[in-house]
Amino acid sequence: MKSYEGPGVVVGFDADVCQHAAMCVRGLPRVFDTGARPWIQPANATVAEVVSQVEMCSSGALSVQVTDGSDGQP
């Protein structure tokens, strides 16, 4: 499991679980960009946007922890 930290949020990624459906890449490409390094850049969206997109991960490879004290909702 790798972690990617941004302002108010940490996104976890488990490559062993990922099914490469690319829902994250299509849904929020400014955060999930396989051509960038690191490929997950949570600072490129709001906490709520990141939380919402991670919740759509069909494989469960992505996880999210809100660290700014909010509930991650708009």
PDB file of N, CA and C in Angstrom:
ATOM      1  N   MET A   1       0.862  -1.178   0.000  1.00  0.00           N
ATOM      2  CA  MET A   1       0.000   0.000   0.000  1.00  0.00           C
ATOM      3  C   MET A   1       0.903   1.234   0.000  1.00  0.00           C
ATOM      4  N   LYS A   2       0.661   2.111  -0.942  1.00  0.00           N
ATOM      5  CA  LYS A   2       1.356   3.403  -0.990  1.00  0.00           C
ATOM      6  C   LYS A   2       0.381   4.482  -0.570  1.00  0.00           C
ATOM      7  N   SER A   3       0.909   5.553   0.002  1.00  0.00           N
ATOM      8  CA  SER A   3       0.092   6.689   0.431  1.00  0.00           C
ATOM      9  C   SER A   3       0.542   7.948  -0.287  1.00  0.00           C
ATOM     10  N   TYR A   4      -0.448   8.770  -0.619  1.00  0.00           N
ATOM     11  CA  TYR A   4      -0.205  10.034  -1.314  1.00  0.00           C
ATOM     12  C   TYR A   4      -0.926  11.122  -0.541  1.00  0.00           C
ATOM     13  N   GLU A   5      -0.159  12.064   0.002  1.00  0.00           N
ATOM     14  CA  GLU A   5      -0.725  13.084   0.882  1.00  0.00           C
ATOM     15  C   GLU A   5      -0.938  14.398   0.152  1.00  0.00           C
ATOM     16  N   GLY A   6      -2.064  15.004   0.443  1.00  0.00           N
ATOM     17  CA  GLY A   6      -2.386  16.325  -0.059  1.00  0.00           C
ATOM     18  C   GLY A   6      -2.955  17.136   1.083  1.00  0.00           C
ATOM     19  N   PRO A   7      -3.264  18.391   0.866  1.00  0.00           N
ATOM     20  CA  PRO A   7      -3.831  19.220   1.923  1.00  0.00           C
ATOM     21  C   PRO A   7      -5.162  18.647   2.416  1.00  0.00           C
ATOM     22  N   GLY A   8      -5.174  18.183   3.639  1.00  0.00           N
ATOM     23  CA  GLY A   8      -6.401  17.699   4.261  1.00  0.00           C
ATOM     24  C   GLY A   8      -6.810  16.285   3.923  1.00  0.00           C
ATOM     25  N   VAL A   9      -5.986  15.572   3.160  1.00  0.00           N
ATOM     26  CA  VAL A   9      -6.389  14.230   2.742  1.00  0.00           C
ATOM     27  C   VAL A   9      -5.167  13.364   2.413  1.00  0.00           C
ATOM     28  N   VAL A  10      -5.306  12.075   2.703  1.00  0.00           N
ATOM     29  CA  VAL A  10      -4.294  11.087   2.311  1.00  0.00           C
ATOM     30  C   VAL A  10      -5.009   9.992   1.524  1.00  0.00           C
ATOM     31  N   VAL A  11      -4.512   9.712   0.322  1.00  0.00           N
ATOM     32  CA  VAL A  11      -5.079   8.664  -0.522  1.00  0.00           C
ATOM     33  C   VAL A  11      -4.142   7.463  -0.468  1.00  0.00           C
ATOM     34  N   GLY A  12      -4.705   6.306  -0.170  1.00  0.00           N
ATOM     35  CA  GLY A  12      -3.945   5.066  -0.191  1.00  0.00           C
ATOM     36  C   GLY A  12      -4.236   4.299  -1.473  1.00  0.00           C
ATOM     37  N   PHE A  13      -3.232   3.578  -1.959  1.00  0.00           N
ATOM     38  CA  PHE A  13      -3.392   2.776  -3.172  1.00  0.00           C
ATOM     39  C   PHE A  13      -2.734   1.429  -2.980  1.00  0.00           C
ATOM     40  N   ASP A  14      -3.494   0.366  -3.203  1.00  0.00           N
ATOM     41  CA  ASP A  14      -2.992  -1.003  -3.104  1.00  0.00           C
ATOM     42  C   ASP A  14      -2.959  -1.599  -4.508  1.00  0.00           C
ATOM     43  N   ALA A  15      -1.784  -1.642  -5.103  1.00  0.00           N
ATOM     44  CA  ALA A  15      -1.621  -2.129  -6.478  1.00  0.00           C
ATOM     45  C   ALA A  15      -2.019  -3.589  -6.617  1.00  0.00           C
ATOM     46  N   ASP A  16      -1.890  -4.378  -5.550  1.00  0.00           N
ATOM     47  CA  ASP A  16      -2.249  -5.793  -5.609  1.00  0.00           C
ATOM     48  C   ASP A  16      -3.756  -6.006  -5.731  1.00  0.00           C
ATOM     49  N   VAL A  17      -4.548  -5.017  -5.350  1.00  0.00           N
ATOM     50  CA  VAL A  17      -6.004  -5.116  -5.383  1.00  0.00           C
ATOM     51  C   VAL A  17      -6.583  -4.470  -6.645  1.00  0.00           C
ATOM     52  N   CYS A  18      -5.875  -3.510  -7.210  1.00  0.00           N
ATOM     53  CA  CYS A  18      -6.381  -2.740  -8.349  1.00  0.00           C
ATOM     54  C   CYS A  18      -6.727  -3.637  -9.537  1.00  0.00           C
ATOM     55  N   GLN A  19      -7.912  -3.410 -10.115  1.00  0.00           N
ATOM     56  CA  GLN A  19      -8.364  -4.148 -11.289  1.00  0.00           C
ATOM     57  C   GLN A  19      -8.244  -3.318 -12.564  1.00  0.00           C
ATOM     58  N   HIS A  20      -7.660  -2.147 -12.462  1.00  0.00           N
ATOM     59  CA  HIS A  20      -7.382  -1.273 -13.608  1.00  0.00           C
ATOM     60  C   HIS A  20      -8.626  -0.916 -14.414  1.00  0.00           C
ATOM     61  N   ALA A  21      -9.727  -0.695 -13.715  1.00  0.00           N
ATOM     62  CA  ALA A  21     -10.958  -0.250 -14.375  1.00  0.00           C
ATOM     63  C   ALA A  21     -10.842   1.203 -14.825  1.00  0.00           C
ATOM     64  N   ALA A  22      -9.891   1.941 -14.264  1.00  0.00           N
ATOM     65  CA  ALA A  22      -9.590   3.335 -14.632  1.00  0.00           C
ATOM     66  C   ALA A  22     -10.716   4.310 -14.304  1.00  0.00           C
ATOM     67  N   MET A  23     -11.605   3.936 -13.402  1.00  0.00           N
ATOM     68  CA  MET A  23     -12.669   4.860 -12.998  1.00  0.00           C
ATOM     69  C   MET A  23     -12.077   6.120 -12.373  1.00  0.00           C
ATOM     70  N   CYS A  24     -11.009   5.971 -11.625  1.00  0.00           N
ATOM     71  CA  CYS A  24     -10.381   7.133 -10.984  1.00  0.00           C
ATOM     72  C   CYS A  24      -9.787   8.075 -12.026  1.00  0.00           C
ATOM     73  N   VAL A  25      -9.115   7.502 -13.006  1.00  0.00           N
ATOM     74  CA  VAL A  25      -8.459   8.295 -14.053  1.00  0.00           C
ATOM     75  C   VAL A  25      -9.496   9.047 -14.884  1.00  0.00           C
ATOM     76  N   ARG A  26     -10.574   8.379 -15.241  1.00  0.00           N
ATOM     77  CA  ARG A  26     -11.630   9.022 -16.026  1.00  0.00           C
ATOM     78  C   ARG A  26     -12.431  10.016 -15.191  1.00  0.00           C
ATOM     79  N   GLY A  27     -12.616   9.707 -13.918  1.00  0.00           N
ATOM     80  CA  GLY A  27     -13.460  10.535 -13.067  1.00  0.00           C
ATOM     81  C   GLY A  27     -12.801  11.801 -12.553  1.00  0.00           C
ATOM     82  N   LEU A  28     -11.495  11.729 -12.268  1.00  0.00           N
ATOM     83  CA  LEU A  28     -10.795  12.890 -11.709  1.00  0.00           C
ATOM     84  C   LEU A  28      -9.343  12.887 -12.221  1.00  0.00           C
ATOM     85  N   PRO A  29      -9.166  13.145 -13.529  1.00  0.00           N
ATOM     86  CA  PRO A  29      -7.846  13.013 -14.140  1.00  0.00           C
ATOM     87  C   PRO A  29      -6.792  13.992 -13.631  1.00  0.00           C
ATOM     88  N   ARG A  30      -7.205  15.101 -13.054  1.00  0.00           N
ATOM     89  CA  ARG A  30      -6.188  16.028 -12.536  1.00  0.00           C
ATOM     90  C   ARG A  30      -5.572  15.511 -11.236  1.00  0.00           C
ATOM     91  N   VAL A  31      -6.187  14.528 -10.604  1.00  0.00           N
ATOM     92  CA  VAL A  31      -5.629  13.888  -9.406  1.00  0.00           C
ATOM     93  C   VAL A  31      -5.010  12.541  -9.754  1.00  0.00           C
ATOM     94  N   PHE A  32      -5.712  11.758 -10.561  1.00  0.00           N
ATOM     95  CA  PHE A  32      -5.268  10.407 -10.920  1.00  0.00           C
ATOM     96  C   PHE A  32      -4.774  10.436 -12.363  1.00  0.00           C
ATOM     97  N   ASP A  33      -3.470  10.572 -12.529  1.00  0.00           N
ATOM     98  CA  ASP A  33      -2.864  10.747 -13.854  1.00  0.00           C
ATOM     99  C   ASP A  33      -1.716   9.754 -13.988  1.00  0.00           C
ATOM    100  N   THR A  34      -1.942   8.676 -14.731  1.00  0.00           N
ATOM    101  CA  THR A  34      -0.926   7.636 -14.861  1.00  0.00           C
ATOM    102  C   THR A  34       0.328   8.108 -15.595  1.00  0.00           C
ATOM    103  N   GLY A  35       0.259   9.233 -16.260  1.00  0.00           N
ATOM    104  CA  GLY A  35       1.423   9.776 -16.950  1.00  0.00           C
ATOM    105  C   GLY A  35       2.282  10.680 -16.080  1.00  0.00           C
ATOM    106  N   ALA A  36       1.809  10.981 -14.879  1.00  0.00           N
ATOM    107  CA  ALA A  36       2.542  11.880 -13.970  1.00  0.00           C
ATOM    108  C   ALA A  36       3.236  11.059 -12.884  1.00  0.00           C
ATOM    109  N   ARG A  37       4.180  11.662 -12.237  1.00  0.00           N
ATOM    110  CA  ARG A  37       4.849  11.043 -11.090  1.00  0.00           C
ATOM    111  C   ARG A  37       4.903  12.054  -9.963  1.00  0.00           C
ATOM    112  N   PRO A  38       4.347  11.777  -8.819  1.00  0.00           N
ATOM    113  CA  PRO A  38       3.552  10.593  -8.531  1.00  0.00           C
ATOM    114  C   PRO A  38       2.234  10.621  -9.296  1.00  0.00           C
ATOM    115  N   TRP A  39       1.672   9.464  -9.521  1.00  0.00           N
ATOM    116  CA  TRP A  39       0.471   9.392 -10.365  1.00  0.00           C
ATOM    117  C   TRP A  39      -0.789   9.820  -9.633  1.00  0.00           C
ATOM    118  N   ILE A  40      -0.756   9.851  -8.294  1.00  0.00           N
ATOM    119  CA  ILE A  40      -1.874  10.365  -7.507  1.00  0.00           C
ATOM    120  C   ILE A  40      -1.433  11.672  -6.863  1.00  0.00           C
ATOM    121  N   GLN A  41      -2.136  12.762  -7.191  1.00  0.00           N
ATOM    122  CA  GLN A  41      -1.794  14.093  -6.680  1.00  0.00           C
ATOM    123  C   GLN A  41      -3.033  14.739  -6.061  1.00  0.00           C
ATOM    124  N   PRO A  42      -3.318  14.394  -4.783  1.00  0.00           N
ATOM    125  CA  PRO A  42      -4.536  14.872  -4.130  1.00  0.00           C
ATOM    126  C   PRO A  42      -4.635  16.392  -4.010  1.00  0.00           C
ATOM    127  N   ALA A  43      -3.533  17.088  -4.096  1.00  0.00           N
ATOM    128  CA  ALA A  43      -3.550  18.549  -3.987  1.00  0.00           C
ATOM    129  C   ALA A  43      -4.249  19.205  -5.177  1.00  0.00           C
ATOM    130  N   ASN A  44      -4.493  18.451  -6.236  1.00  0.00           N
ATOM    131  CA  ASN A  44      -5.084  19.018  -7.443  1.00  0.00           C
ATOM    132  C   ASN A  44      -6.606  19.072  -7.428  1.00  0.00           C
ATOM    133  N   ALA A  45      -7.215  18.771  -6.284  1.00  0.00           N
ATOM    134  CA  ALA A  45      -8.677  18.835  -6.169  1.00  0.00           C
ATOM    135  C   ALA A  45      -9.037  19.107  -4.710  1.00  0.00           C
ATOM    136  N   THR A  46     -10.289  19.383  -4.479  1.00  0.00           N
ATOM    137  CA  THR A  46     -10.739  19.596  -3.101  1.00  0.00           C
ATOM    138  C   THR A  46     -10.802  18.256  -2.373  1.00  0.00           C
ATOM    139  N   VAL A  47     -10.810  18.324  -1.057  1.00  0.00           N
ATOM    140  CA  VAL A  47     -10.936  17.110  -0.255  1.00  0.00           C
ATOM    141  C   VAL A  47     -12.216  16.370  -0.633  1.00  0.00           C
ATOM    142  N   ALA A  48     -13.314  17.102  -0.765  1.00  0.00           N
ATOM    143  CA  ALA A  48     -14.597  16.487  -1.105  1.00  0.00           C
ATOM    144  C   ALA A  48     -14.540  15.777  -2.462  1.00  0.00           C
ATOM    145  N   GLU A  49     -13.889  16.379  -3.447  1.00  0.00           N
ATOM    146  CA  GLU A  49     -13.773  15.749  -4.767  1.00  0.00           C
ATOM    147  C   GLU A  49     -12.968  14.457  -4.684  1.00  0.00           C
ATOM    148  N   VAL A  50     -11.877  14.497  -3.935  1.00  0.00           N
ATOM    149  CA  VAL A  50     -11.034  13.310  -3.794  1.00  0.00           C
ATOM    150  C   VAL A  50     -11.809  12.196  -3.087  1.00  0.00           C
ATOM    151  N   VAL A  51     -12.460  12.533  -1.989  1.00  0.00           N
ATOM    152  CA  VAL A  51     -13.238  11.539  -1.242  1.00  0.00           C
ATOM    153  C   VAL A  51     -14.308  10.918  -2.131  1.00  0.00           C
ATOM    154  N   SER A  52     -15.029  11.743  -2.849  1.00  0.00           N
ATOM    155  CA  SER A  52     -16.096  11.260  -3.724  1.00  0.00           C
ATOM    156  C   SER A  52     -15.566  10.296  -4.776  1.00  0.00           C
ATOM    157  N   GLN A  53     -14.439  10.637  -5.389  1.00  0.00           N
ATOM    158  CA  GLN A  53     -13.890   9.776  -6.435  1.00  0.00           C
ATOM    159  C   GLN A  53     -13.358   8.473  -5.861  1.00  0.00           C
ATOM    160  N   VAL A  54     -12.674   8.527  -4.733  1.00  0.00           N
ATOM    161  CA  VAL A  54     -12.145   7.307  -4.118  1.00  0.00           C
ATOM    162  C   VAL A  54     -13.284   6.360  -3.756  1.00  0.00           C
ATOM    163  N   GLU A  55     -14.397   6.898  -3.303  1.00  0.00           N
ATOM    164  CA  GLU A  55     -15.543   6.060  -2.955  1.00  0.00           C
ATOM    165  C   GLU A  55     -16.106   5.313  -4.161  1.00  0.00           C
ATOM    166  N   MET A  56     -15.810   5.760  -5.377  1.00  0.00           N
ATOM    167  CA  MET A  56     -16.288   5.106  -6.589  1.00  0.00           C
ATOM    168  C   MET A  56     -15.372   3.978  -7.065  1.00  0.00           C
ATOM    169  N   CYS A  57     -14.252   3.774  -6.398  1.00  0.00           N
ATOM    170  CA  CYS A  57     -13.310   2.730  -6.806  1.00  0.00           C
ATOM    171  C   CYS A  57     -13.975   1.363  -6.668  1.00  0.00           C
ATOM    172  N   SER A  58     -14.157   0.680  -7.784  1.00  0.00           N
ATOM    173  CA  SER A  58     -14.887  -0.589  -7.787  1.00  0.00           C
ATOM    174  C   SER A  58     -14.113  -1.749  -7.170  1.00  0.00           C
ATOM    175  N   SER A  59     -12.801  -1.678  -7.165  1.00  0.00           N
ATOM    176  CA  SER A  59     -11.998  -2.784  -6.635  1.00  0.00           C
ATOM    177  C   SER A  59     -11.661  -2.630  -5.152  1.00  0.00           C
ATOM    178  N   GLY A  60     -11.753  -1.412  -4.653  1.00  0.00           N
ATOM    179  CA  GLY A  60     -11.335  -1.165  -3.281  1.00  0.00           C
ATOM    180  C   GLY A  60      -9.841  -0.924  -3.150  1.00  0.00           C
ATOM    181  N   ALA A  61      -9.165  -0.728  -4.269  1.00  0.00           N
ATOM    182  CA  ALA A  61      -7.722  -0.483  -4.253  1.00  0.00           C
ATOM    183  C   ALA A  61      -7.376   0.889  -3.695  1.00  0.00           C
ATOM    184  N   LEU A  62      -8.314   1.821  -3.786  1.00  0.00           N
ATOM    185  CA  LEU A  62      -8.102   3.161  -3.268  1.00  0.00           C
ATOM    186  C   LEU A  62      -8.778   3.306  -1.912  1.00  0.00           C
ATOM    187  N   SER A  63      -8.123   4.014  -1.027  1.00  0.00           N
ATOM    188  CA  SER A  63      -8.708   4.360   0.263  1.00  0.00           C
ATOM    189  C   SER A  63      -8.403   5.819   0.521  1.00  0.00           C
ATOM    190  N   VAL A  64      -9.138   6.413   1.446  1.00  0.00           N
ATOM    191  CA  VAL A  64      -8.949   7.831   1.718  1.00  0.00           C
ATOM    192  C   VAL A  64      -9.090   8.090   3.209  1.00  0.00           C
ATOM    193  N   GLN A  65      -8.253   8.979   3.686  1.00  0.00           N
ATOM    194  CA  GLN A  65      -8.329   9.429   5.077  1.00  0.00           C
ATOM    195  C   GLN A  65      -8.349  10.953   5.058  1.00  0.00           C
ATOM    196  N   VAL A  66      -9.387  11.529   5.623  1.00  0.00           N
ATOM    197  CA  VAL A  66      -9.496  12.981   5.711  1.00  0.00           C
ATOM    198  C   VAL A  66      -8.737  13.421   6.954  1.00  0.00           C
ATOM    199  N   THR A  67      -7.820  14.354   6.760  1.00  0.00           N
ATOM    200  CA  THR A  67      -6.956  14.792   7.868  1.00  0.00           C
ATOM    201  C   THR A  67      -7.177  16.247   8.276  1.00  0.00           C
ATOM    202  N   ASP A  68      -8.149  16.902   7.645  1.00  0.00           N
ATOM    203  CA  ASP A  68      -8.360  18.327   7.950  1.00  0.00           C
ATOM    204  C   ASP A  68      -9.464  18.556   8.966  1.00  0.00           C
ATOM    205  N   GLY A  69     -10.008  17.485   9.536  1.00  0.00           N
ATOM    206  CA  GLY A  69     -11.043  17.626  10.532  1.00  0.00           C
ATOM    207  C   GLY A  69     -12.451  17.715   9.959  1.00  0.00           C
ATOM    208  N   SER A  70     -12.564  17.762   8.635  1.00  0.00           N
ATOM    209  CA  SER A  70     -13.885  17.804   8.003  1.00  0.00           C
ATOM    210  C   SER A  70     -14.369  16.380   7.781  1.00  0.00           C
ATOM    211  N   ASP A  71     -15.575  16.257   7.262  1.00  0.00           N
ATOM    212  CA  ASP A  71     -16.076  14.927   6.933  1.00  0.00           C
ATOM    213  C   ASP A  71     -15.855  14.599   5.460  1.00  0.00           C
ATOM    214  N   GLY A  72     -15.168  15.482   4.728  1.00  0.00           N
ATOM    215  CA  GLY A  72     -14.871  15.247   3.331  1.00  0.00           C
ATOM    216  C   GLY A  72     -16.034  15.501   2.393  1.00  0.00           C
ATOM    217  N   GLN A  73     -17.118  16.076   2.908  1.00  0.00           N
ATOM    218  CA  GLN A  73     -18.289  16.370   2.089  1.00  0.00           C
ATOM    219  C   GLN A  73     -18.295  17.868   1.754  1.00  0.00           C
ATOM    220  N   PRO A  74     -18.893  18.204   0.606  1.00  0.00           N
ATOM    221  CA  PRO A  74     -18.923  19.623   0.196  1.00  0.00           C
ATOM    222  C   PRO A  74     -19.726  20.491   1.164  1.00  0.00           C
TER     223      PRO A  74
END
